[in-house]
Amino acid sequence: MDSKQIFDRVESIRIKKGLSVYAMSDKAGISHNTYGLWKTRGTLPTVDTLEAICDVLEIPFVYLFTDVDENRLDAEQLELLSLWKNLTPERKKLIFLTLKEMQK
């Protein structure tokens, strides 16, 4: 996914949730100008900013970068995505290794 696709996904969710750009930006701790520049310059915000936006929109971070449809995920899958978000990179790596071993 490119920057425009991710921006469009955020916009779609923001509108669906009834949030103005100002309200979402304020809750995410970014200026609405920064949010607007994302679209006009075609650059991605930092991971921290994207995570803050996801928190405000109440969506899993991975939802921005994949074709995951949160309406198709069951409660257990959504919980796993939510838990994943809070793991350190080291713990994520350990989980990947564990899952790969379990697939053998």
C-alpha atoms as a PDB file:
ATOM      1  CA  MET A   1       0.000   0.000   0.000  1.00  0.00           C
ATOM      2  CA  ASP A   2       1.207   3.472  -0.756  1.00  0.00           C
ATOM      3  CA  SER A   3       0.744   6.682   1.215  1.00  0.00           C
ATOM      4  CA  LYS A   4      -2.385   7.706  -0.691  1.00  0.00           C
ATOM      5  CA  GLN A   5      -4.101   4.364  -0.119  1.00  0.00           C
ATOM      6  CA  ILE A   6      -3.360   4.505   3.599  1.00  0.00           C
ATOM      7  CA  PHE A   7      -4.548   8.117   3.792  1.00  0.00           C
ATOM      8  CA  ASP A   8      -7.746   7.181   1.934  1.00  0.00           C
ATOM      9  CA  ARG A   9      -8.350   4.326   4.367  1.00  0.00           C
ATOM     10  CA  VAL A  10      -7.896   6.639   7.362  1.00  0.00           C
ATOM     11  CA  GLU A  11     -10.189   9.218   5.772  1.00  0.00           C
ATOM     12  CA  SER A  12     -12.872   6.636   5.100  1.00  0.00           C
ATOM     13  CA  ILE A  13     -12.815   5.400   8.690  1.00  0.00           C
ATOM     14  CA  ARG A  14     -12.655   8.934  10.097  1.00  0.00           C
ATOM     15  CA  ILE A  15     -15.714   9.952   8.129  1.00  0.00           C
ATOM     16  CA  LYS A  16     -17.561   6.733   9.016  1.00  0.00           C
ATOM     17  CA  LYS A  17     -16.910   7.442  12.703  1.00  0.00           C
ATOM     18  CA  GLY A  18     -18.194  10.997  12.318  1.00  0.00           C
ATOM     19  CA  LEU A  19     -14.945  12.687  13.321  1.00  0.00           C
ATOM     20  CA  SER A  20     -13.795  15.957  11.834  1.00  0.00           C
ATOM     21  CA  VAL A  21     -10.173  16.296  10.755  1.00  0.00           C
ATOM     22  CA  TYR A  22      -9.661  18.715  13.627  1.00  0.00           C
ATOM     23  CA  ALA A  23     -11.199  16.378  16.236  1.00  0.00           C
ATOM     24  CA  MET A  24      -9.229  13.343  15.062  1.00  0.00           C
ATOM     25  CA  SER A  25      -5.982  15.299  14.824  1.00  0.00           C
ATOM     26  CA  ASP A  26      -6.485  16.816  18.253  1.00  0.00           C
ATOM     27  CA  LYS A  27      -7.189  13.449  19.868  1.00  0.00           C
ATOM     28  CA  ALA A  28      -4.172  11.908  18.087  1.00  0.00           C
ATOM     29  CA  GLY A  29      -1.923  14.731  19.267  1.00  0.00           C
ATOM     30  CA  ILE A  30      -1.061  16.078  15.810  1.00  0.00           C
ATOM     31  CA  SER A  31      -1.933  19.325  14.089  1.00  0.00           C
ATOM     32  CA  HIS A  32      -4.642  19.229  11.438  1.00  0.00           C
ATOM     33  CA  ASN A  33      -2.116  20.911   9.126  1.00  0.00           C
ATOM     34  CA  THR A  34       0.224  17.932   9.542  1.00  0.00           C
ATOM     35  CA  TYR A  35      -2.640  15.640   8.665  1.00  0.00           C
ATOM     36  CA  GLY A  36      -3.441  17.691   5.573  1.00  0.00           C
ATOM     37  CA  LEU A  37       0.189  17.682   4.453  1.00  0.00           C
ATOM     38  CA  TRP A  38       0.155  13.896   4.526  1.00  0.00           C
ATOM     39  CA  LYS A  39      -2.250  13.976   1.598  1.00  0.00           C
ATOM     40  CA  THR A  40      -0.736  16.837  -0.366  1.00  0.00           C
ATOM     41  CA  ARG A  41       2.887  15.726  -0.017  1.00  0.00           C
ATOM     42  CA  GLY A  42       2.201  12.014  -0.258  1.00  0.00           C
ATOM     43  CA  THR A  43       4.394  11.140   2.700  1.00  0.00           C
ATOM     44  CA  LEU A  44       3.595   8.830   5.573  1.00  0.00           C
ATOM     45  CA  PRO A  45       3.489  10.063   9.162  1.00  0.00           C
ATOM     46  CA  THR A  46       5.729   8.402  11.727  1.00  0.00           C
ATOM     47  CA  VAL A  47       4.751   5.041  13.189  1.00  0.00           C
ATOM     48  CA  ASP A  48       3.944   6.763  16.486  1.00  0.00           C
ATOM     49  CA  THR A  49       1.584   9.158  14.705  1.00  0.00           C
ATOM     50  CA  LEU A  50      -0.092   6.330  12.800  1.00  0.00           C
ATOM     51  CA  GLU A  51      -0.535   4.372  16.037  1.00  0.00           C
ATOM     52  CA  ALA A  52      -2.098   7.433  17.676  1.00  0.00           C
ATOM     53  CA  ILE A  53      -4.486   7.802  14.737  1.00  0.00           C
ATOM     54  CA  CYS A  54      -5.385   4.111  14.984  1.00  0.00           C
ATOM     55  CA  ASP A  55      -6.080   4.521  18.702  1.00  0.00           C
ATOM     56  CA  VAL A  56      -8.418   7.433  18.001  1.00  0.00           C
ATOM     57  CA  LEU A  57     -10.163   5.522  15.213  1.00  0.00           C
ATOM     58  CA  GLU A  58     -10.272   2.374  17.373  1.00  0.00           C
ATOM     59  CA  ILE A  59      -8.738   0.165  14.673  1.00  0.00           C
ATOM     60  CA  PRO A  60      -5.790  -2.231  14.752  1.00  0.00           C
ATOM     61  CA  PHE A  61      -2.569  -0.729  13.353  1.00  0.00           C
ATOM     62  CA  VAL A  62      -2.214  -3.573  10.860  1.00  0.00           C
ATOM     63  CA  TYR A  63      -5.540  -2.557   9.316  1.00  0.00           C
ATOM     64  CA  LEU A  64      -3.836   0.419   7.657  1.00  0.00           C
ATOM     65  CA  PHE A  65      -1.328  -1.723   5.772  1.00  0.00           C
ATOM     66  CA  THR A  66      -3.205  -4.850   4.833  1.00  0.00           C
ATOM     67  CA  ASP A  67      -6.454  -5.852   3.290  1.00  0.00           C
ATOM     68  CA  VAL A  68      -7.695  -7.015   6.666  1.00  0.00           C
ATOM     69  CA  ASP A  69     -11.386  -6.369   6.973  1.00  0.00           C
ATOM     70  CA  GLU A  70     -12.071  -5.856  10.656  1.00  0.00           C
ATOM     71  CA  ASN A  71     -15.723  -6.670  10.026  1.00  0.00           C
ATOM     72  CA  ARG A  72     -14.676 -10.179   8.993  1.00  0.00           C
ATOM     73  CA  LEU A  73     -12.429 -10.825  11.971  1.00  0.00           C
ATOM     74  CA  ASP A  74     -13.816 -12.572  14.984  1.00  0.00           C
ATOM     75  CA  ALA A  75     -13.340 -11.241  18.507  1.00  0.00           C
ATOM     76  CA  GLU A  76     -10.333 -13.474  19.176  1.00  0.00           C
ATOM     77  CA  GLN A  77      -8.511 -12.247  16.056  1.00  0.00           C
ATOM     78  CA  LEU A  78      -9.208  -8.614  16.896  1.00  0.00           C
ATOM     79  CA  GLU A  79      -7.915  -9.190  20.413  1.00  0.00           C
ATOM     80  CA  LEU A  80      -4.710 -10.737  19.040  1.00  0.00           C
ATOM     81  CA  LEU A  81      -4.145  -7.710  16.808  1.00  0.00           C
ATOM     82  CA  SER A  82      -4.747  -5.406  19.729  1.00  0.00           C
ATOM     83  CA  LEU A  83      -2.300  -7.305  21.947  1.00  0.00           C
ATOM     84  CA  TRP A  84       0.282  -7.425  19.145  1.00  0.00           C
ATOM     85  CA  LYS A  85       0.324  -3.636  18.936  1.00  0.00           C
ATOM     86  CA  ASN A  86       1.677  -3.312  22.471  1.00  0.00           C
ATOM     87  CA  LEU A  87       4.536  -5.806  22.123  1.00  0.00           C
ATOM     88  CA  THR A  88       8.173  -4.816  21.879  1.00  0.00           C
ATOM     89  CA  PRO A  89      10.013  -5.711  18.654  1.00  0.00           C
ATOM     90  CA  GLU A  90      11.916  -8.406  20.547  1.00  0.00           C
ATOM     91  CA  ARG A  91       8.703 -10.057  21.753  1.00  0.00           C
ATOM     92  CA  LYS A  92       7.181  -9.873  18.283  1.00  0.00           C
ATOM     93  CA  LYS A  93      10.233 -11.681  16.925  1.00  0.00           C
ATOM     94  CA  LEU A  94       9.907 -14.375  19.596  1.00  0.00           C
ATOM     95  CA  ILE A  95       6.255 -14.886  18.735  1.00  0.00           C
ATOM     96  CA  PHE A  96       7.068 -15.204  15.036  1.00  0.00           C
ATOM     97  CA  LEU A  97       9.732 -17.794  15.787  1.00  0.00           C
ATOM     98  CA  THR A  98       7.349 -19.704  18.035  1.00  0.00           C
ATOM     99  CA  LEU A  99       4.590 -19.698  15.404  1.00  0.00           C
ATOM    100  CA  LYS A 100       6.992 -20.869  12.720  1.00  0.00           C
ATOM    101  CA  GLU A 101       8.094 -23.737  14.933  1.00  0.00           C
ATOM    102  CA  MET A 102       4.506 -24.676  15.637  1.00  0.00           C
ATOM    103  CA  GLN A 103       3.819 -24.920  11.891  1.00  0.00           C
ATOM    104  CA  LYS A 104       6.399 -27.718  11.478  1.00  0.00           C
END
